[in-house]
Amino acid sequence: MISRTDDMVHADASNFADGVTKDDAYEQVLLQAEGLFTGQRNWVW
């Protein structure tokens, strides 16, 4: 089991500007994920 340390990146560490709506934040996450997945062939579906 991996223990959590201060230098580990985690979803809790995501930062959004003050006042960003949940819908806007969700759209940003989807766009970033799309950027990671586009053109990648090493993902297991």
N, C-alpha and C. Protein backbone atom coordinates (compact mmCIF):
# COMPACT_ATOMS: atom_id res chain seq x y z
N MET A 1 0.84 -1.18 0.00
CA MET A 1 0.00 0.00 0.00
C MET A 1 0.88 1.24 0.00
N ILE A 2 0.53 2.21 -0.83
CA ILE A 2 1.30 3.44 -0.93
C ILE A 2 0.77 4.43 0.11
N SER A 3 1.67 4.99 0.89
CA SER A 3 1.24 5.99 1.85
C SER A 3 1.25 7.36 1.19
N ARG A 4 0.35 8.19 1.60
CA ARG A 4 0.24 9.53 1.03
C ARG A 4 1.28 10.45 1.67
N THR A 5 2.00 11.16 0.82
CA THR A 5 2.95 12.15 1.31
C THR A 5 2.60 13.50 0.72
N ASP A 6 3.23 14.54 1.23
CA ASP A 6 2.93 15.89 0.77
C ASP A 6 3.33 16.14 -0.68
N ASP A 7 4.26 15.35 -1.22
CA ASP A 7 4.70 15.59 -2.59
C ASP A 7 3.99 14.73 -3.62
N MET A 8 3.00 13.96 -3.20
CA MET A 8 2.24 13.13 -4.15
C MET A 8 1.14 13.98 -4.79
N VAL A 9 1.00 13.85 -6.09
CA VAL A 9 -0.06 14.55 -6.80
C VAL A 9 -1.32 13.71 -6.71
N HIS A 10 -2.41 14.35 -6.44
CA HIS A 10 -3.67 13.65 -6.25
C HIS A 10 -4.80 14.54 -6.77
N ALA A 11 -5.93 13.95 -7.06
CA ALA A 11 -7.07 14.72 -7.55
C ALA A 11 -7.44 15.84 -6.58
N ASP A 12 -7.20 15.64 -5.30
CA ASP A 12 -7.50 16.69 -4.32
C ASP A 12 -6.63 17.92 -4.54
N ALA A 13 -5.54 17.78 -5.29
CA ALA A 13 -4.63 18.88 -5.50
C ALA A 13 -5.01 19.75 -6.70
N SER A 14 -6.10 19.41 -7.38
CA SER A 14 -6.53 20.20 -8.53
C SER A 14 -6.95 21.59 -8.07
N ASN A 15 -6.51 22.57 -8.80
CA ASN A 15 -6.85 23.95 -8.46
C ASN A 15 -7.64 24.58 -9.58
N PHE A 16 -8.68 25.30 -9.21
CA PHE A 16 -9.48 26.04 -10.16
C PHE A 16 -9.58 27.47 -9.65
N ALA A 17 -9.73 28.40 -10.55
CA ALA A 17 -9.86 29.80 -10.17
C ALA A 17 -11.09 29.99 -9.30
N ASP A 18 -11.03 30.98 -8.44
CA ASP A 18 -12.18 31.29 -7.61
C ASP A 18 -13.37 31.64 -8.50
N GLY A 19 -14.53 31.16 -8.14
CA GLY A 19 -15.74 31.49 -8.87
C GLY A 19 -16.04 30.57 -10.05
N VAL A 20 -15.19 29.58 -10.31
CA VAL A 20 -15.44 28.65 -11.41
C VAL A 20 -16.60 27.74 -11.03
N THR A 21 -17.54 27.60 -11.94
CA THR A 21 -18.69 26.74 -11.67
C THR A 21 -18.29 25.28 -11.79
N LYS A 22 -19.11 24.43 -11.23
CA LYS A 22 -18.85 22.99 -11.33
C LYS A 22 -18.87 22.55 -12.79
N ASP A 23 -19.77 23.09 -13.58
CA ASP A 23 -19.84 22.74 -15.00
C ASP A 23 -18.57 23.16 -15.74
N ASP A 24 -18.07 24.37 -15.45
CA ASP A 24 -16.84 24.85 -16.10
C ASP A 24 -15.64 24.00 -15.69
N ALA A 25 -15.57 23.64 -14.41
CA ALA A 25 -14.47 22.80 -13.93
C ALA A 25 -14.52 21.43 -14.60
N TYR A 26 -15.72 20.87 -14.72
CA TYR A 26 -15.88 19.56 -15.35
C TYR A 26 -15.45 19.63 -16.82
N GLU A 27 -15.84 20.69 -17.50
CA GLU A 27 -15.43 20.85 -18.91
C GLU A 27 -13.91 20.93 -19.03
N GLN A 28 -13.27 21.65 -18.11
CA GLN A 28 -11.82 21.76 -18.13
C GLN A 28 -11.16 20.39 -17.94
N VAL A 29 -11.67 19.62 -17.00
CA VAL A 29 -11.12 18.28 -16.75
C VAL A 29 -11.28 17.39 -17.98
N LEU A 30 -12.45 17.45 -18.61
CA LEU A 30 -12.68 16.64 -19.82
C LEU A 30 -11.73 17.04 -20.95
N LEU A 31 -11.53 18.33 -21.14
CA LEU A 31 -10.62 18.79 -22.19
C LEU A 31 -9.19 18.36 -21.92
N GLN A 32 -8.77 18.43 -20.66
CA GLN A 32 -7.42 17.99 -20.32
C GLN A 32 -7.26 16.49 -20.52
N ALA A 33 -8.28 15.73 -20.15
CA ALA A 33 -8.23 14.28 -20.33
C ALA A 33 -8.18 13.94 -21.82
N GLU A 34 -8.97 14.64 -22.62
CA GLU A 34 -8.96 14.40 -24.06
C GLU A 34 -7.57 14.65 -24.63
N GLY A 35 -6.90 15.69 -24.15
CA GLY A 35 -5.55 15.98 -24.60
C GLY A 35 -4.58 14.86 -24.25
N LEU A 36 -4.80 14.21 -23.12
CA LEU A 36 -3.94 13.09 -22.73
C LEU A 36 -4.21 11.84 -23.57
N PHE A 37 -5.47 11.62 -23.92
CA PHE A 37 -5.85 10.39 -24.60
C PHE A 37 -5.66 10.45 -26.11
N THR A 38 -5.78 11.62 -26.70
CA THR A 38 -5.72 11.76 -28.15
C THR A 38 -4.38 11.27 -28.69
N GLY A 39 -4.46 10.36 -29.63
CA GLY A 39 -3.26 9.85 -30.28
C GLY A 39 -2.52 8.77 -29.49
N GLN A 40 -3.00 8.46 -28.31
CA GLN A 40 -2.34 7.43 -27.49
C GLN A 40 -2.88 6.06 -27.89
N ARG A 41 -2.00 5.10 -28.01
CA ARG A 41 -2.42 3.75 -28.38
C ARG A 41 -2.13 2.76 -27.28
N ASN A 42 -1.64 3.23 -26.14
CA ASN A 42 -1.25 2.30 -25.09
C ASN A 42 -2.28 2.22 -23.96
N TRP A 43 -3.50 2.67 -24.19
CA TRP A 43 -4.55 2.58 -23.19
C TRP A 43 -5.31 1.28 -23.32
N VAL A 44 -5.68 0.70 -22.23
CA VAL A 44 -6.49 -0.52 -22.23
C VAL A 44 -7.94 -0.13 -22.11
N TRP A 45 -8.77 -0.60 -23.02
CA TRP A 45 -10.21 -0.28 -22.98
C TRP A 45 -10.99 -1.43 -22.50
